[in-house]
């Protein structure tokens, strides 16, 4: 019987090593299958990303609500904006320029630093005769 038991033990060892080999092969097959699946997914997404439509990023006046003026730089302020050129310097101020073309007027009646002598240069100006100085704004002379 010892010989039979020995044969059974050897057979058991043989079956166990066959099971181990089969399980290694099974796990190797699963690993290769999963790896192939991952590679296929990566290739699919790369191909898919190349076929996406291209939307350029727009900056500057092109990205504003009403778009650009004809100069392509200035943004329109409304849908019907005529995009007139901006006037800089004293020409763009409320009262315009003094005769020198550089200095801005401070009021409609600004004489632009012109020195006025006599009663014209005083706080309340001249009386109707043009020579006498007014003492108050309401004075009638």
N, C-alpha and C. Protein backbone atom coordinates (compact mmCIF):
# COMPACT_ATOMS: atom_id res chain seq x y z
N UNK A 1 0.79 -1.18 0.00
CA UNK A 1 0.00 0.00 0.00
C UNK A 1 0.84 1.25 0.00
N UNK A 2 1.93 1.06 0.50
CA UNK A 2 2.78 2.24 0.50
C UNK A 2 3.06 2.71 -0.92
N UNK A 3 3.20 1.83 -1.79
CA UNK A 3 3.47 2.22 -3.17
C UNK A 3 2.27 2.94 -3.76
N UNK A 4 1.07 2.50 -3.43
CA UNK A 4 -0.15 3.13 -3.93
C UNK A 4 -0.33 4.52 -3.36
N UNK A 5 -0.01 4.62 -2.08
CA UNK A 5 -0.11 5.92 -1.46
C UNK A 5 0.90 6.87 -2.06
N UNK A 6 2.03 6.31 -2.35
CA UNK A 6 3.06 7.14 -2.95
C UNK A 6 2.61 7.62 -4.31
N UNK A 7 1.99 6.76 -5.08
CA UNK A 7 1.50 7.16 -6.39
C UNK A 7 0.39 8.21 -6.27
N UNK A 8 -0.50 8.04 -5.26
CA UNK A 8 -1.55 9.03 -5.07
C UNK A 8 -0.97 10.38 -4.67
N UNK A 9 0.04 10.35 -3.81
CA UNK A 9 0.68 11.60 -3.42
C UNK A 9 1.35 12.26 -4.61
N UNK A 10 1.99 11.45 -5.43
CA UNK A 10 2.63 12.02 -6.61
C UNK A 10 1.58 12.57 -7.56
N UNK A 11 0.47 11.89 -7.67
CA UNK A 11 -0.61 12.37 -8.52
C UNK A 11 -1.21 13.66 -8.00
N UNK A 12 -1.32 13.80 -6.70
CA UNK A 12 -1.84 15.01 -6.09
C UNK A 12 -0.89 16.17 -6.34
N UNK A 13 0.39 15.86 -6.20
CA UNK A 13 1.37 16.91 -6.48
C UNK A 13 1.29 17.32 -7.93
N UNK A 14 1.09 16.43 -8.77
CA UNK A 14 1.02 16.70 -10.20
C UNK A 14 -0.22 17.52 -10.51
N UNK A 15 -1.35 17.21 -9.89
CA UNK A 15 -2.57 17.99 -10.10
C UNK A 15 -2.42 19.39 -9.54
N UNK A 16 -1.79 19.52 -8.40
CA UNK A 16 -1.59 20.82 -7.78
C UNK A 16 -0.70 21.70 -8.65
N UNK A 17 0.35 21.14 -9.18
CA UNK A 17 1.22 21.95 -10.04
C UNK A 17 0.51 22.29 -11.34
N UNK A 18 -0.35 21.38 -11.84
CA UNK A 18 -1.14 21.70 -13.04
C UNK A 18 -2.11 22.83 -12.74
N UNK A 19 -2.75 22.86 -11.57
CA UNK A 19 -3.68 23.91 -11.18
C UNK A 19 -2.96 25.24 -11.04
N UNK A 20 -1.76 25.20 -10.48
CA UNK A 20 -0.97 26.42 -10.33
C UNK A 20 -0.59 26.97 -11.69
N UNK A 21 -0.19 26.12 -12.61
CA UNK A 21 0.17 26.54 -13.96
C UNK A 21 -1.05 27.12 -14.66
N UNK A 22 -2.19 26.47 -14.51
CA UNK A 22 -3.41 26.96 -15.16
C UNK A 22 -3.82 28.30 -14.57
N UNK A 23 -3.72 28.47 -13.26
CA UNK A 23 -4.09 29.76 -12.66
C UNK A 23 -3.12 30.86 -13.10
N UNK A 24 -1.84 30.57 -13.22
CA UNK A 24 -0.89 31.56 -13.73
C UNK A 24 -1.24 31.94 -15.16
N UNK A 25 -1.55 30.97 -15.97
CA UNK A 25 -1.92 31.26 -17.36
C UNK A 25 -3.21 32.08 -17.41
N UNK A 26 -4.17 31.74 -16.56
CA UNK A 26 -5.43 32.49 -16.52
C UNK A 26 -5.19 33.95 -16.13
N UNK A 27 -4.39 34.17 -15.08
CA UNK A 27 -4.09 35.53 -14.65
C UNK A 27 -3.27 36.29 -15.69
N UNK A 28 -2.37 35.61 -16.34
CA UNK A 28 -1.59 36.25 -17.41
C UNK A 28 -2.52 36.65 -18.55
N UNK A 29 -3.47 35.78 -18.89
CA UNK A 29 -4.43 36.09 -19.94
C UNK A 29 -5.29 37.30 -19.54
N UNK A 30 -5.76 37.34 -18.30
CA UNK A 30 -6.54 38.48 -17.82
C UNK A 30 -5.73 39.77 -17.86
N UNK A 31 -4.49 39.70 -17.45
CA UNK A 31 -3.62 40.88 -17.47
C UNK A 31 -3.44 41.40 -18.90
N UNK A 32 -3.17 40.50 -19.84
CA UNK A 32 -2.98 40.90 -21.24
C UNK A 32 -4.27 41.47 -21.80
N UNK A 33 -5.40 40.89 -21.44
CA UNK A 33 -6.69 41.38 -21.90
C UNK A 33 -6.96 42.78 -21.36
N UNK A 34 -6.73 43.01 -20.09
CA UNK A 34 -6.93 44.34 -19.50
C UNK A 34 -5.97 45.37 -20.08
N UNK A 35 -4.73 44.98 -20.28
CA UNK A 35 -3.74 45.88 -20.87
C UNK A 35 -4.16 46.27 -22.28
N UNK A 36 -4.64 45.31 -23.05
CA UNK A 36 -5.10 45.59 -24.41
C UNK A 36 -6.30 46.53 -24.39
N UNK A 37 -7.19 46.35 -23.43
CA UNK A 37 -8.35 47.21 -23.31
C UNK A 37 -7.93 48.65 -22.98
N UNK A 38 -7.00 48.80 -22.08
CA UNK A 38 -6.51 50.13 -21.72
C UNK A 38 -5.86 50.80 -22.92
N UNK A 39 -5.04 50.09 -23.66
CA UNK A 39 -4.38 50.65 -24.84
C UNK A 39 -5.41 51.05 -25.88
N UNK A 40 -6.43 50.22 -26.08
CA UNK A 40 -7.48 50.54 -27.05
C UNK A 40 -8.24 51.80 -26.65
N UNK A 41 -8.54 51.95 -25.35
CA UNK A 41 -9.24 53.14 -24.88
C UNK A 41 -8.40 54.40 -25.05
N UNK A 42 -7.13 54.31 -24.75
CA UNK A 42 -6.23 55.47 -24.93
C UNK A 42 -6.19 55.87 -26.39
N UNK A 43 -6.07 54.91 -27.28
CA UNK A 43 -6.02 55.21 -28.71
C UNK A 43 -7.35 55.81 -29.18
N UNK A 44 -8.46 55.31 -28.66
CA UNK A 44 -9.77 55.83 -29.04
C UNK A 44 -9.92 57.29 -28.62
N UNK A 45 -9.54 57.61 -27.38
CA UNK A 45 -9.67 58.98 -26.91
C UNK A 45 -8.72 59.92 -27.62
N UNK A 46 -7.55 59.48 -27.95
CA UNK A 46 -6.62 60.34 -28.71
C UNK A 46 -7.17 60.63 -30.09
N UNK A 47 -7.72 59.65 -30.74
CA UNK A 47 -8.31 59.84 -32.05
C UNK A 47 -9.52 60.74 -31.95
N UNK A 48 -10.32 60.52 -30.93
CA UNK A 48 -11.52 61.33 -30.74
C UNK A 48 -11.16 62.80 -30.48
N UNK A 49 -10.12 63.04 -29.71
CA UNK A 49 -9.70 64.41 -29.39
C UNK A 49 -9.23 65.14 -30.64
N UNK A 50 -8.63 64.45 -31.59
CA UNK A 50 -8.16 65.09 -32.82
C UNK A 50 -9.32 65.52 -33.71
N UNK A 51 -10.47 64.88 -33.60
CA UNK A 51 -11.60 65.19 -34.45
C UNK A 51 -12.54 66.23 -33.86
N UNK A 52 -12.20 66.80 -32.70
CA UNK A 52 -13.03 67.83 -32.10
C UNK A 52 -12.91 69.10 -32.93
N UNK A 53 -14.01 69.87 -33.06
CA UNK A 53 -13.92 71.12 -33.81
C UNK A 53 -13.04 72.13 -33.07
N UNK A 54 -12.38 72.98 -33.82
CA UNK A 54 -11.47 73.98 -33.26
C UNK A 54 -12.24 75.28 -33.06
N UNK A 55 -12.26 75.75 -31.84
CA UNK A 55 -12.87 77.03 -31.54
C UNK A 55 -11.77 77.97 -31.08
N UNK A 56 -11.40 78.94 -31.92
CA UNK A 56 -10.31 79.83 -31.53
C UNK A 56 -10.73 80.73 -30.37
N UNK A 57 -9.78 81.07 -29.54
CA UNK A 57 -10.03 81.98 -28.42
C UNK A 57 -9.96 83.39 -28.97
N UNK A 58 -11.02 84.14 -28.74
CA UNK A 58 -11.07 85.51 -29.26
C UNK A 58 -10.86 86.45 -28.09
N UNK A 59 -9.97 87.40 -28.26
CA UNK A 59 -9.74 88.37 -27.21
C UNK A 59 -9.94 89.77 -27.76
N UNK A 60 -9.73 90.75 -26.93
CA UNK A 60 -9.85 92.14 -27.36
C UNK A 60 -11.29 92.51 -27.66
N UNK A 61 -11.49 93.44 -28.59
CA UNK A 61 -12.83 93.94 -28.88
C UNK A 61 -13.73 92.87 -29.49
N UNK A 62 -13.15 91.86 -30.13
CA UNK A 62 -13.95 90.79 -30.73
C UNK A 62 -14.71 89.99 -29.70
N UNK A 63 -14.28 90.01 -28.46
CA UNK A 63 -14.93 89.25 -27.41
C UNK A 63 -15.93 90.09 -26.62
N UNK A 64 -16.11 91.35 -27.02
CA UNK A 64 -17.05 92.20 -26.30
C UNK A 64 -18.46 92.01 -26.83
N UNK A 65 -19.42 92.56 -26.13
CA UNK A 65 -20.84 92.35 -26.45
C UNK A 65 -21.21 92.81 -27.85
N UNK A 66 -20.69 93.97 -28.30
CA UNK A 66 -21.08 94.53 -29.59
C UNK A 66 -20.00 94.40 -30.66
N UNK A 67 -18.88 93.78 -30.32
CA UNK A 67 -17.83 93.57 -31.32
C UNK A 67 -16.91 94.76 -31.50
N UNK A 68 -16.24 94.81 -32.66
CA UNK A 68 -15.22 95.82 -32.93
C UNK A 68 -15.73 96.93 -33.85
N UNK A 69 -15.10 98.07 -33.71
CA UNK A 69 -15.27 99.15 -34.67
C UNK A 69 -14.46 98.79 -35.91
N UNK A 70 -14.64 99.52 -37.01
CA UNK A 70 -13.90 99.20 -38.24
C UNK A 70 -12.38 99.19 -38.08
N UNK A 71 -11.84 99.88 -37.08
CA UNK A 71 -10.38 99.86 -36.90
C UNK A 71 -9.87 98.53 -36.37
N UNK A 72 -10.79 97.65 -35.89
CA UNK A 72 -10.41 96.33 -35.41
C UNK A 72 -9.78 96.32 -34.04
N UNK A 73 -9.71 97.46 -33.38
CA UNK A 73 -9.08 97.55 -32.06
C UNK A 73 -10.05 98.08 -31.01
N UNK A 74 -10.81 99.09 -31.38
CA UNK A 74 -11.73 99.73 -30.46
C UNK A 74 -13.03 98.94 -30.36
N UNK A 75 -13.53 98.77 -29.14
CA UNK A 75 -14.79 98.05 -28.92
C UNK A 75 -15.97 98.99 -29.11
N UNK A 76 -17.03 98.48 -29.75
CA UNK A 76 -18.26 99.26 -29.89
C UNK A 76 -18.93 99.36 -28.53
N UNK A 77 -19.54 100.50 -28.24
CA UNK A 77 -20.20 100.72 -26.96
C UNK A 77 -21.68 100.34 -27.02
N UNK A 78 -22.26 100.25 -28.22
CA UNK A 78 -23.65 99.83 -28.39
C UNK A 78 -23.77 99.22 -29.78
N UNK A 79 -24.92 98.62 -30.07
CA UNK A 79 -25.11 97.97 -31.37
C UNK A 79 -25.09 98.98 -32.51
N UNK A 80 -25.55 100.20 -32.24
CA UNK A 80 -25.58 101.22 -33.29
C UNK A 80 -24.45 102.24 -33.16
N UNK A 81 -23.39 101.89 -32.46
CA UNK A 81 -22.24 102.78 -32.28
C UNK A 81 -21.59 103.06 -33.62
N UNK A 82 -21.40 104.35 -33.93
CA UNK A 82 -20.78 104.76 -35.20
C UNK A 82 -19.26 104.75 -35.12
N UNK A 83 -18.74 104.52 -33.93
CA UNK A 83 -17.29 104.43 -33.72
C UNK A 83 -16.54 105.67 -34.17
N UNK A 84 -17.07 106.85 -33.80
CA UNK A 84 -16.36 108.07 -34.17
C UNK A 84 -15.06 108.13 -33.39
N UNK A 85 -14.05 108.71 -34.00
CA UNK A 85 -12.75 108.74 -33.32
C UNK A 85 -12.82 109.56 -32.04
N UNK A 86 -12.12 109.11 -31.04
CA UNK A 86 -12.07 109.85 -29.78
C UNK A 86 -11.17 111.06 -29.94
N UNK A 87 -11.65 112.17 -29.38
CA UNK A 87 -10.87 113.40 -29.45
C UNK A 87 -10.12 113.53 -28.14
N UNK A 88 -8.82 113.66 -28.22
CA UNK A 88 -8.02 113.77 -27.01
C UNK A 88 -7.62 115.20 -26.76
N UNK A 89 -6.93 115.42 -25.68
CA UNK A 89 -6.45 116.75 -25.34
C UNK A 89 -7.59 117.68 -24.98
N UNK A 90 -7.38 118.97 -25.17
CA UNK A 90 -8.40 119.95 -24.80
C UNK A 90 -9.63 119.87 -25.70
N UNK A 91 -9.49 119.34 -26.91
CA UNK A 91 -10.64 119.20 -27.81
C UNK A 91 -11.68 118.24 -27.28
N UNK A 92 -11.30 117.36 -26.40
CA UNK A 92 -12.24 116.42 -25.83
C UNK A 92 -12.82 116.85 -24.51
N UNK A 93 -12.52 118.07 -24.07
CA UNK A 93 -13.05 118.56 -22.79
C UNK A 93 -14.39 119.23 -23.00
N UNK A 94 -15.07 119.53 -21.89
CA UNK A 94 -16.43 120.08 -21.94
C UNK A 94 -16.51 121.42 -22.67
N UNK A 95 -15.54 122.31 -22.45
CA UNK A 95 -15.61 123.65 -23.03
C UNK A 95 -14.65 123.86 -24.20
N UNK A 96 -13.90 122.84 -24.57
CA UNK A 96 -13.01 122.96 -25.72
C UNK A 96 -11.67 123.58 -25.37
N UNK A 97 -11.01 124.11 -26.42
CA UNK A 97 -9.65 124.63 -26.27
C UNK A 97 -9.61 126.15 -26.24
N UNK A 98 -8.57 126.62 -25.62
CA UNK A 98 -8.24 128.04 -25.69
C UNK A 98 -7.61 128.30 -27.07
N UNK A 99 -7.43 129.55 -27.44
CA UNK A 99 -6.87 129.85 -28.76
C UNK A 99 -5.48 129.22 -29.02
N UNK A 100 -4.73 128.88 -27.96
CA UNK A 100 -3.41 128.28 -28.19
C UNK A 100 -3.52 126.82 -28.66
N UNK A 101 -4.73 126.21 -28.57
CA UNK A 101 -4.93 124.84 -29.04
C UNK A 101 -4.40 123.78 -28.08
N UNK A 102 -3.88 124.18 -26.94
CA UNK A 102 -3.31 123.23 -25.97
C UNK A 102 -4.05 123.29 -24.65
N UNK A 103 -4.32 124.47 -24.17
CA UNK A 103 -4.93 124.66 -22.87
C UNK A 103 -6.45 124.47 -22.96
N UNK A 104 -7.03 123.76 -21.99
CA UNK A 104 -8.47 123.55 -21.96
C UNK A 104 -9.15 124.72 -21.27
N UNK A 105 -10.30 125.15 -21.83
CA UNK A 105 -11.08 126.21 -21.20
C UNK A 105 -11.71 125.67 -19.94
N UNK A 106 -11.86 126.52 -18.91
CA UNK A 106 -12.46 126.12 -17.65
C UNK A 106 -13.95 126.42 -17.61
N UNK A 107 -14.42 127.27 -18.51
CA UNK A 107 -15.85 127.61 -18.61
C UNK A 107 -16.09 128.18 -20.01
N UNK A 108 -17.37 128.43 -20.33
CA UNK A 108 -17.70 129.02 -21.64
C UNK A 108 -17.07 130.40 -21.79
N UNK A 109 -17.06 131.14 -20.68
CA UNK A 109 -16.56 132.52 -20.75
C UNK A 109 -15.08 132.64 -20.39
N UNK A 110 -14.38 131.51 -20.27
CA UNK A 110 -12.96 131.54 -19.90
C UNK A 110 -12.17 132.26 -20.98
N UNK A 111 -11.37 133.23 -20.56
CA UNK A 111 -10.56 133.99 -21.49
C UNK A 111 -9.16 133.40 -21.62
N UNK A 112 -8.99 132.22 -21.04
CA UNK A 112 -7.78 131.43 -21.21
C UNK A 112 -6.51 132.14 -20.77
N UNK A 113 -6.52 132.67 -19.57
CA UNK A 113 -5.31 133.25 -19.02
C UNK A 113 -4.97 134.61 -19.60
N UNK A 114 -5.84 135.12 -20.43
CA UNK A 114 -5.61 136.43 -21.02
C UNK A 114 -5.68 137.46 -19.89
N UNK A 115 -4.66 138.24 -19.73
CA UNK A 115 -4.64 139.23 -18.66
C UNK A 115 -5.55 140.39 -19.05
N UNK A 116 -6.47 140.66 -18.16
CA UNK A 116 -7.40 141.74 -18.40
C UNK A 116 -7.14 142.81 -17.35
N UNK A 117 -6.91 144.03 -17.80
CA UNK A 117 -6.63 145.11 -16.86
C UNK A 117 -7.88 145.91 -16.57
N UNK A 118 -7.78 146.81 -15.64
CA UNK A 118 -8.90 147.68 -15.31
C UNK A 118 -10.00 146.92 -14.59
N UNK A 119 -11.20 147.45 -14.75
CA UNK A 119 -12.34 146.84 -14.05
C UNK A 119 -12.69 145.46 -14.61
N UNK A 120 -12.32 145.15 -15.82
CA UNK A 120 -12.61 143.84 -16.42
C UNK A 120 -11.91 142.69 -15.68
N UNK A 121 -10.86 142.99 -14.97
CA UNK A 121 -10.12 141.96 -14.26
C UNK A 121 -10.52 141.83 -12.81
N UNK A 122 -11.54 142.56 -12.38
CA UNK A 122 -11.97 142.49 -10.99
C UNK A 122 -13.01 141.38 -10.80
N UNK A 123 -13.37 141.10 -9.52
CA UNK A 123 -14.27 140.00 -9.21
C UNK A 123 -15.64 140.17 -9.85
N UNK A 124 -16.22 141.37 -9.85
CA UNK A 124 -17.57 141.56 -10.37
C UNK A 124 -17.60 142.27 -11.71
N UNK A 125 -16.46 142.57 -12.26
CA UNK A 125 -16.41 143.17 -13.59
C UNK A 125 -16.68 144.66 -13.60
N UNK A 126 -17.09 145.16 -14.78
CA UNK A 126 -17.28 146.60 -14.98
C UNK A 126 -18.75 146.98 -14.99
N UNK A 127 -18.98 148.23 -14.71
CA UNK A 127 -20.32 148.78 -14.89
C UNK A 127 -20.55 148.97 -16.37
N UNK A 128 -21.72 149.43 -16.73
CA UNK A 128 -22.08 149.57 -18.14
C UNK A 128 -21.21 150.59 -18.89
N UNK A 129 -20.60 151.50 -18.18
CA UNK A 129 -19.74 152.47 -18.87
C UNK A 129 -18.39 151.87 -19.28
N UNK A 130 -18.06 150.62 -18.75
CA UNK A 130 -16.82 149.95 -19.12
C UNK A 130 -15.60 150.45 -18.39
N UNK A 131 -15.77 151.39 -17.48
CA UNK A 131 -14.62 151.94 -16.78
C UNK A 131 -14.74 151.80 -15.27
N UNK A 132 -15.94 151.85 -14.75
CA UNK A 132 -16.17 151.80 -13.31
C UNK A 132 -16.29 150.35 -12.85
N UNK A 133 -15.71 150.02 -11.70
CA UNK A 133 -15.72 148.67 -11.15
C UNK A 133 -16.99 148.45 -10.34
N UNK A 134 -17.64 147.31 -10.56
CA UNK A 134 -18.81 146.93 -9.76
C UNK A 134 -18.32 146.47 -8.40
N UNK A 135 -19.11 146.83 -7.33
CA UNK A 135 -18.74 146.41 -5.99
C UNK A 135 -19.43 145.10 -5.59
N UNK A 136 -20.60 144.79 -6.21
CA UNK A 136 -21.31 143.53 -5.98
C UNK A 136 -21.79 143.01 -7.34
N UNK A 137 -22.20 141.79 -7.39
CA UNK A 137 -22.66 141.20 -8.65
C UNK A 137 -24.00 141.83 -9.07
N UNK A 138 -24.81 142.25 -8.10
CA UNK A 138 -26.13 142.77 -8.40
C UNK A 138 -26.14 144.30 -8.59
N UNK A 139 -25.03 144.93 -8.40
CA UNK A 139 -24.98 146.40 -8.46
C UNK A 139 -25.30 146.90 -9.86
N UNK A 140 -26.17 147.85 -9.93
CA UNK A 140 -26.51 148.49 -11.20
C UNK A 140 -25.86 149.87 -11.17
N UNK A 141 -24.93 150.09 -12.06
CA UNK A 141 -24.24 151.37 -12.04
C UNK A 141 -24.48 152.15 -13.31
